């Protein structure tokens, strides 16, 4: 009982303090003017009123709601990945031992640049077979080029040349063998494309077998962004749609591309469809594995949406809201539903109409007055 008496005493003191401060405030949300509904009551929309002197001090700016044409977007996320068309795995074509490694992880290489030197008995045997076939062709065709022996010898020579090519010898290598009539104990594995070495599985002295994956080379001038499209958005997304990609390491930067693939299969666990965007990356800023925020523009010609400056939006009681002018010094609190934000503007999908006048500067003062009035009512 004593505790209750003490609590009532404290409440009475706080009420006196609030009443003493009210005359100093220039704004009010109480129903002191006839016909002005109280903030938060069921009799009408919540209003905030400012006396003329308070209105002047607040320096409030007001602007009409505008309808602008904005591209309609599907917002989702994705991940930067290698473009398979610009990716190459380099396999060993022979059994042997690595004598020398000429390129390493993260090195940039050109087409045809040596990657490693391999000692291979298989390659030596293939060279010997080629030299034997070359000598036989010379002998068989020296007498008559249209003879059956000549045709057979040349077929064997072509087969021996093809075998060398399959094992990785270049045309230059084969010409050198034919010119010197000598076998080489090693052959050089060369880069099939230009790019960066993003994976390597070889060191000097390794024993390797035909089919071993030794290097992965990626040309990162173009990359993929693999995108998850939620089931509810599938009907609005199609191949060829323009895509805008944003990454946290590059604030404000937008990387553009187009969807090259929209899968026909839904992931049963995630309830998403995999889509793929192709993005130009000549400056190398997009790196495989990066997380990306993705906008898919499914109506690039734009649809009309209400737009207001982002300074007009306040968080009131956990929801976005704006203040709409209802008269001189009278403002209605209007909860709104927001859409996309861009260049200081935010789209409003619900809660405002074109032409309504909203507070774009000084709305924080109105929010404070509204919350003060709400506390007084409680």
Protein backbone atom coordinates (compact mmCIF):
# COMPACT_ATOMS: atom_id res chain seq x y z
CA UNK A 1 0.00 0.00 0.00
CA UNK A 2 2.79 2.42 0.87
CA UNK A 3 4.43 1.57 -2.49
CA UNK A 4 1.23 2.46 -4.34
CA UNK A 5 1.01 5.80 -2.53
CA UNK A 6 4.61 6.57 -3.46
CA UNK A 7 4.01 5.70 -7.15
CA UNK A 8 0.94 7.94 -7.26
CA UNK A 9 3.00 10.73 -5.76
CA UNK A 10 5.69 10.37 -8.41
CA UNK A 11 3.09 10.37 -11.19
CA UNK A 12 1.54 13.54 -9.80
CA UNK A 13 4.91 15.27 -9.73
CA UNK A 14 5.65 14.23 -13.36
CA UNK A 15 2.25 15.55 -14.43
CA UNK A 16 3.00 18.91 -12.84
CA UNK A 17 6.37 19.06 -14.62
CA UNK A 18 4.78 18.29 -18.02
CA UNK A 19 2.05 20.91 -17.44
CA UNK A 20 4.67 23.46 -16.51
CA UNK A 21 6.58 22.79 -19.74
CA UNK A 22 3.57 22.91 -22.08
CA UNK A 23 3.32 26.74 -22.36
CA UNK A 24 6.94 26.80 -23.57
CA UNK A 25 6.15 24.47 -26.49
CA UNK A 26 5.13 25.98 -29.75
CA UNK A 27 3.28 22.88 -31.02
CA UNK A 28 0.37 20.85 -29.79
CA UNK A 29 -1.45 17.67 -30.66
CA UNK A 30 -4.23 18.15 -28.07
CA UNK A 31 -7.78 19.01 -29.03
CA UNK A 32 -7.70 22.60 -27.83
CA UNK A 33 -9.21 24.06 -31.03
CA UNK A 34 -12.82 23.31 -31.82
CA UNK A 35 -13.19 20.49 -34.29
CA UNK A 36 -9.50 19.47 -34.18
CA UNK A 37 -9.31 15.73 -33.56
CA UNK A 38 -6.82 14.43 -31.01
CA UNK A 39 -3.69 12.65 -32.26
CA UNK A 40 -4.27 8.92 -32.24
CA UNK A 41 -8.03 9.04 -31.60
CA UNK A 42 -10.60 7.19 -33.65
CA UNK A 43 -12.47 10.44 -34.48
CA UNK A 44 -10.16 11.28 -37.38
CA UNK A 45 -6.63 11.09 -38.70
CA UNK A 46 -3.83 12.00 -36.26
CA UNK A 47 -3.01 15.70 -36.57
CA UNK A 48 -0.17 17.89 -35.38
CA UNK A 49 -0.79 21.64 -34.99
CA UNK A 50 1.86 24.34 -34.82
CA UNK A 51 1.18 27.91 -33.71
CA UNK A 52 2.35 30.58 -36.20
CA UNK A 53 5.47 31.46 -34.20
CA UNK A 54 6.43 27.77 -33.85
CA UNK A 55 5.77 27.22 -37.55
CA UNK A 56 8.16 30.05 -38.41
CA UNK A 57 10.88 28.68 -36.12
CA UNK A 58 10.56 25.14 -37.50
CA UNK A 59 11.47 26.28 -41.05
CA UNK A 60 9.28 23.60 -42.54
CA UNK A 61 9.46 23.01 -46.30
CA UNK A 62 6.55 21.50 -48.19
CA UNK A 63 6.49 19.85 -51.60
CA UNK A 64 3.72 18.19 -53.63
CA UNK A 65 3.83 14.46 -54.28
CA UNK A 66 4.95 13.82 -57.86
CA UNK A 67 4.23 10.82 -60.05
CA UNK A 68 7.24 9.76 -62.10
CA UNK A 69 7.86 6.92 -64.46
CA UNK A 70 10.19 4.41 -62.85
CA UNK A 71 11.40 1.08 -64.20
CA UNK A 72 9.68 -1.75 -62.41
CA UNK A 73 12.17 -4.03 -60.72
CA UNK A 74 12.55 -7.39 -59.08
CA UNK A 75 14.97 -7.12 -56.17
CA UNK A 76 17.02 -10.15 -55.25
CA UNK A 77 20.56 -11.28 -54.49
CA UNK A 78 23.24 -13.16 -56.34
CA UNK A 79 26.86 -14.21 -56.44
CA UNK A 80 29.61 -13.38 -58.92
CA UNK A 81 30.93 -16.46 -60.72
CA UNK A 82 33.26 -17.41 -63.56
CA UNK A 83 31.85 -17.17 -67.07
CA UNK A 84 32.28 -20.73 -68.36
CA UNK A 85 32.87 -19.42 -71.89
CA UNK A 86 35.99 -17.67 -70.59
CA UNK A 87 37.24 -20.54 -68.42
CA UNK A 88 39.69 -23.34 -69.26
CA UNK A 89 40.91 -26.39 -67.38
CA UNK A 90 44.38 -27.51 -68.43
CA UNK A 91 44.84 -31.28 -68.29
CA UNK A 92 47.91 -33.43 -68.78
CA UNK A 93 47.71 -35.45 -71.96
CA UNK A 94 50.59 -37.77 -71.12
CA UNK A 95 52.04 -39.71 -68.22
CA UNK A 96 55.31 -38.32 -66.95
CA UNK A 97 57.13 -36.11 -64.45
CA UNK A 98 57.10 -32.35 -64.07
CA UNK A 99 60.57 -31.00 -64.80
CA UNK A 100 59.78 -27.30 -64.53
CA UNK A 101 56.83 -25.08 -63.61
CA UNK A 102 56.63 -21.81 -65.54
CA UNK A 103 53.41 -20.27 -64.19
CA UNK A 104 51.89 -20.04 -60.73
CA UNK A 105 48.67 -19.17 -58.91
CA UNK A 106 47.35 -15.64 -59.70
CA UNK A 107 49.80 -15.22 -62.60
CA UNK A 108 48.39 -13.62 -65.74
CA UNK A 109 49.20 -15.62 -68.86
CA UNK A 110 48.85 -15.18 -72.62
CA UNK A 111 47.53 -17.68 -75.14
CA UNK A 112 50.33 -20.16 -75.89
CA UNK A 113 52.48 -19.14 -72.93
CA UNK A 114 54.41 -22.09 -71.39
CA UNK A 115 52.88 -23.37 -68.15
CA UNK A 116 55.14 -26.33 -67.37
CA UNK A 117 57.68 -28.71 -68.89
CA UNK A 118 56.98 -32.44 -68.70
CA UNK A 119 59.34 -35.40 -69.19
CA UNK A 120 57.27 -38.15 -70.79
CA UNK A 121 58.36 -41.52 -72.21
CA UNK A 122 54.99 -41.63 -74.04
CA UNK A 123 55.86 -38.42 -75.83
CA UNK A 124 59.31 -39.75 -76.79
CA UNK A 125 57.73 -42.89 -78.29
CA UNK A 126 55.21 -40.80 -80.25
CA UNK A 127 58.04 -38.69 -81.69
CA UNK A 128 59.97 -41.80 -82.72
CA UNK A 129 56.88 -43.16 -84.48
CA UNK A 130 56.49 -39.88 -86.32
CA UNK A 131 60.13 -39.87 -87.50
CA UNK A 132 59.83 -43.47 -88.70
CA UNK A 133 56.63 -42.65 -90.58
CA UNK A 134 58.27 -39.58 -92.11
CA UNK A 135 61.25 -41.61 -93.38
CA UNK A 136 58.96 -44.32 -94.76
CA UNK A 137 56.89 -41.71 -96.61
CA UNK A 138 60.03 -40.22 -98.15
CA UNK A 139 61.16 -43.63 -99.38
CA UNK A 140 57.75 -44.82 -100.58
CA UNK A 141 56.83 -41.62 -102.37
CA UNK A 142 60.25 -40.90 -103.83
CA UNK A 143 59.67 -43.36 -106.66
CA UNK A 144 55.95 -42.93 -107.38
CA UNK A 145 53.63 -40.61 -105.48
CA UNK A 146 50.50 -42.33 -106.80
CA UNK A 147 51.59 -45.80 -105.74
CA UNK A 148 49.66 -47.74 -103.07
CA UNK A 149 52.80 -47.82 -100.93
CA UNK A 150 53.02 -44.00 -101.00
CA UNK A 151 49.35 -43.56 -100.09
CA UNK A 152 49.73 -45.99 -97.19
CA UNK A 153 52.91 -44.33 -95.93
CA UNK A 154 51.33 -40.91 -96.03
CA UNK A 155 48.28 -42.16 -94.12
CA UNK A 156 50.59 -43.55 -91.42
CA UNK A 157 52.45 -40.21 -91.32
CA UNK A 158 49.19 -38.30 -90.88
CA UNK A 159 48.20 -40.63 -88.07
CA UNK A 160 51.57 -40.14 -86.32
CA UNK A 161 51.26 -36.35 -86.68
CA UNK A 162 47.72 -36.45 -85.24
CA UNK A 163 48.93 -38.48 -82.28
CA UNK A 164 51.58 -35.84 -81.50
CA UNK A 165 48.95 -33.11 -81.70
CA UNK A 166 46.67 -35.03 -79.34
CA UNK A 167 49.54 -35.37 -76.88
CA UNK A 168 49.99 -31.60 -76.90
CA UNK A 169 52.68 -30.91 -79.49
CA UNK A 170 52.18 -27.74 -81.49
CA UNK A 171 52.66 -27.51 -85.26
CA UNK A 172 55.90 -25.67 -84.58
CA UNK A 173 57.05 -28.54 -82.34
CA UNK A 174 56.26 -31.09 -85.06
CA UNK A 175 58.09 -29.11 -87.74
CA UNK A 176 61.13 -28.87 -85.46
CA UNK A 177 61.10 -32.65 -84.96
CA UNK A 178 60.92 -33.23 -88.72
CA UNK A 179 63.66 -30.68 -89.39
CA UNK A 180 66.17 -31.98 -86.82
CA UNK A 181 65.14 -35.65 -87.03
CA UNK A 182 65.65 -35.82 -83.27
CA UNK A 183 63.27 -36.65 -80.44
CA UNK A 184 62.88 -34.35 -77.46
CA UNK A 185 62.70 -35.85 -73.96
CA UNK A 186 60.24 -33.19 -72.76
CA UNK A 187 57.29 -31.29 -74.05
CA UNK A 188 55.85 -27.93 -72.98
CA UNK A 189 52.26 -27.57 -71.80
CA UNK A 190 50.91 -24.19 -72.95
CA UNK A 191 48.02 -21.94 -71.95
CA UNK A 192 44.97 -22.51 -74.19
CA UNK A 193 43.51 -19.07 -73.36
CA UNK A 194 44.74 -15.80 -71.91
CA UNK A 195 43.72 -14.92 -68.38
CA UNK A 196 44.59 -15.45 -64.73
CA UNK A 197 45.59 -18.74 -63.17
CA UNK A 198 42.93 -19.25 -60.49
CA UNK A 199 43.83 -22.81 -59.54
CA UNK A 200 46.94 -24.97 -59.77
CA UNK A 201 47.61 -28.55 -58.71
CA UNK A 202 51.23 -29.14 -59.66
CA UNK A 203 54.76 -28.65 -58.31
CA UNK A 204 58.16 -29.46 -59.74
CA UNK A 205 58.95 -33.19 -59.52
CA UNK A 206 55.32 -34.33 -59.42
CA UNK A 207 54.44 -37.54 -61.19
CA UNK A 208 51.42 -36.87 -63.37
CA UNK A 209 49.07 -39.00 -65.42
CA UNK A 210 47.08 -38.32 -68.54
CA UNK A 211 43.84 -36.63 -67.49
CA UNK A 212 45.21 -34.93 -64.36
CA UNK A 213 43.72 -31.43 -63.91
CA UNK A 214 46.80 -29.21 -63.53
CA UNK A 215 45.63 -25.61 -63.99
CA UNK A 216 42.44 -23.57 -64.17
CA UNK A 217 42.67 -20.34 -66.17
CA UNK A 218 39.93 -17.69 -66.14
CA UNK A 219 39.55 -14.67 -68.35
CA UNK A 220 37.75 -12.29 -65.98
CA UNK A 221 36.93 -9.63 -68.57
CA UNK A 222 33.39 -11.02 -68.39
CA UNK A 223 31.73 -12.73 -65.45
CA UNK A 224 28.42 -14.29 -64.54
CA UNK A 225 26.21 -13.26 -61.66
CA UNK A 226 24.10 -16.22 -60.57
CA UNK A 227 20.77 -14.94 -59.26
CA UNK A 228 18.01 -16.54 -57.19
CA UNK A 229 14.55 -15.43 -58.39
CA UNK A 230 11.81 -16.10 -55.86
CA UNK A 231 8.81 -18.10 -57.00
CA UNK A 232 6.44 -15.12 -56.68
CA UNK A 233 8.56 -13.14 -59.19
CA UNK A 234 9.04 -15.82 -61.85
CA UNK A 235 6.30 -14.50 -64.15
CA UNK A 236 7.96 -11.07 -64.31
CA UNK A 237 11.45 -12.27 -65.25
CA UNK A 238 12.61 -13.44 -68.66
CA UNK A 239 15.76 -13.94 -70.66
CA UNK A 240 17.15 -10.67 -72.03
CA UNK A 241 15.92 -8.51 -69.12
CA UNK A 242 18.32 -5.75 -68.12
CA UNK A 243 20.09 -6.25 -64.80
CA UNK A 244 21.77 -3.84 -62.40
CA UNK A 245 24.31 -5.27 -59.94
CA UNK A 246 25.55 -3.50 -56.82
CA UNK A 247 28.34 -4.66 -54.49
CA UNK A 248 29.15 -3.38 -51.01
CA UNK A 249 32.89 -2.76 -51.74
CA UNK A 250 31.87 -0.20 -54.40
CA UNK A 251 29.18 2.10 -52.94
CA UNK A 252 27.24 3.92 -55.63
CA UNK A 253 28.66 1.84 -58.49
CA UNK A 254 26.20 0.03 -60.77
CA UNK A 255 27.30 -2.83 -63.05
CA UNK A 256 24.88 -3.46 -65.92
CA UNK A 257 24.20 -6.57 -67.94
CA UNK A 258 21.41 -8.82 -69.17
CA UNK A 259 19.93 -12.14 -68.17
CA UNK A 260 21.26 -14.86 -70.44
CA UNK A 261 19.46 -17.70 -68.67
CA UNK A 262 16.32 -18.25 -66.61
CA UNK A 263 16.07 -21.85 -65.45
CA UNK A 264 12.93 -23.88 -66.10
CA UNK A 265 13.34 -25.76 -62.82
CA UNK A 266 12.36 -24.54 -59.33
CA UNK A 267 14.66 -25.37 -56.43
CA UNK A 268 12.38 -27.38 -54.15
CA UNK A 269 14.15 -26.34 -50.95
CA UNK A 270 14.68 -22.63 -51.59
CA UNK A 271 11.57 -22.15 -53.78
CA UNK A 272 13.64 -20.12 -56.22
CA UNK A 273 14.61 -20.27 -59.87
CA UNK A 274 18.23 -19.84 -60.88
CA UNK A 275 18.90 -17.03 -63.37
CA UNK A 276 22.19 -15.88 -64.81
CA UNK A 277 23.35 -12.42 -65.80
CA UNK A 278 26.39 -11.71 -67.98
CA UNK A 279 28.35 -8.64 -66.87
CA UNK A 280 31.24 -6.82 -68.53
CA UNK A 281 34.23 -6.76 -66.16
CA UNK A 282 37.11 -5.24 -68.09
CA UNK A 283 38.22 -3.24 -65.04
CA UNK A 284 38.36 -6.44 -62.98
CA UNK A 285 36.37 -5.15 -60.01
CA UNK A 286 33.92 -8.05 -59.95
CA UNK A 287 35.54 -11.11 -58.42
CA UNK A 288 34.05 -14.61 -58.36
CA UNK A 289 32.53 -15.35 -54.97
CA UNK A 290 31.41 -11.77 -54.26
CA UNK A 291 27.89 -11.28 -52.87
CA UNK A 292 25.74 -8.99 -55.01
CA UNK A 293 22.47 -7.09 -54.73
CA UNK A 294 20.62 -7.48 -58.01
CA UNK A 295 17.81 -5.49 -59.64
CA UNK A 296 16.06 -7.10 -62.62
CA UNK A 297 14.26 -4.47 -64.72
CA UNK A 298 11.17 -6.24 -66.03
CA UNK A 299 9.43 -3.03 -67.22
CA UNK A 300 12.31 -0.75 -68.27
CA UNK A 301 9.96 1.72 -70.01
CA UNK A 302 8.68 2.55 -66.53
CA UNK A 303 5.37 2.74 -64.67
CA UNK A 304 3.95 5.75 -62.83
CA UNK A 305 4.77 5.80 -59.12
CA UNK A 306 4.41 8.44 -56.41
CA UNK A 307 7.79 9.86 -55.42
CA UNK A 308 8.84 11.96 -52.42
CA UNK A 309 12.26 13.02 -51.07
CA UNK A 310 13.65 10.56 -48.54
CA UNK A 311 13.86 13.45 -46.03
CA UNK A 312 10.05 13.41 -45.89
CA UNK A 313 9.96 9.95 -44.34
CA UNK A 314 10.06 9.44 -40.57
CA UNK A 315 9.86 6.24 -38.56
CA UNK A 316 6.87 6.70 -36.28
CA UNK A 317 5.92 3.93 -33.87
CA UNK A 318 7.92 1.44 -35.91
CA UNK A 319 6.40 2.29 -39.31
CA UNK A 320 7.41 4.71 -42.09
CA UNK A 321 5.27 7.83 -42.16
CA UNK A 322 5.04 11.27 -43.75
CA UNK A 323 3.28 14.48 -42.68
CA UNK A 324 0.68 15.88 -45.10
CA UNK A 325 -0.30 19.55 -44.90
CA UNK A 326 -4.02 19.95 -44.10
CA UNK A 327 -4.02 23.70 -43.58
CA UNK A 328 -1.91 26.51 -42.20
CA UNK A 329 0.09 24.93 -39.37
CA UNK A 330 -1.96 21.71 -39.45
CA UNK A 331 -0.33 18.44 -40.52
CA UNK A 332 -1.73 14.94 -40.79
CA UNK A 333 0.43 11.95 -39.87
CA UNK A 334 0.12 9.45 -42.72
CA UNK A 335 1.63 5.97 -42.54
CA UNK A 336 3.01 4.91 -45.93
CA UNK A 337 4.35 1.87 -47.69
CA UNK A 338 7.67 2.49 -49.41
CA UNK A 339 9.18 1.04 -52.56
CA UNK A 340 12.52 1.62 -54.22
CA UNK A 341 14.89 4.38 -53.14
CA UNK A 342 17.02 6.15 -55.72
CA UNK A 343 19.05 9.38 -55.84
CA UNK A 344 17.47 10.91 -52.74
CA UNK A 345 13.91 9.97 -53.73
CA UNK A 346 11.75 7.12 -52.51
CA UNK A 347 8.69 5.64 -54.18
CA UNK A 348 5.46 5.37 -52.18
CA UNK A 349 3.27 2.42 -53.12
CA UNK A 350 0.54 3.16 -50.58
CA UNK A 351 -0.55 6.09 -48.41
CA UNK A 352 -0.06 9.18 -50.61
CA UNK A 353 -1.70 10.59 -53.74
CA UNK A 354 -0.33 12.77 -56.49
CA UNK A 355 -0.49 16.46 -55.61
CA UNK A 356 -0.76 16.04 -51.83
CA UNK A 357 1.59 18.41 -50.07
CA UNK A 358 4.08 16.66 -47.78
CA UNK A 359 6.67 18.05 -45.39
CA UNK A 360 10.13 17.46 -46.86
CA UNK A 361 12.16 19.49 -44.35
CA UNK A 362 11.37 19.76 -40.65
CA UNK A 363 9.33 16.56 -40.41
CA UNK A 364 11.41 15.48 -37.43
CA UNK A 365 9.98 18.41 -35.44
CA UNK A 366 6.45 17.28 -36.29
CA UNK A 367 7.32 13.73 -35.28
CA UNK A 368 8.56 14.98 -31.90
CA UNK A 369 5.35 17.00 -31.38
CA UNK A 370 3.22 14.01 -32.32
CA UNK A 371 5.04 11.67 -29.94
CA UNK A 372 4.84 14.25 -27.15
CA UNK A 373 1.09 14.52 -27.64
CA UNK A 374 0.75 10.74 -27.64
CA UNK A 375 2.61 10.50 -24.33
CA UNK A 376 0.41 13.21 -22.82
CA UNK A 377 -2.73 11.28 -23.82
CA UNK A 378 -1.38 8.17 -22.09
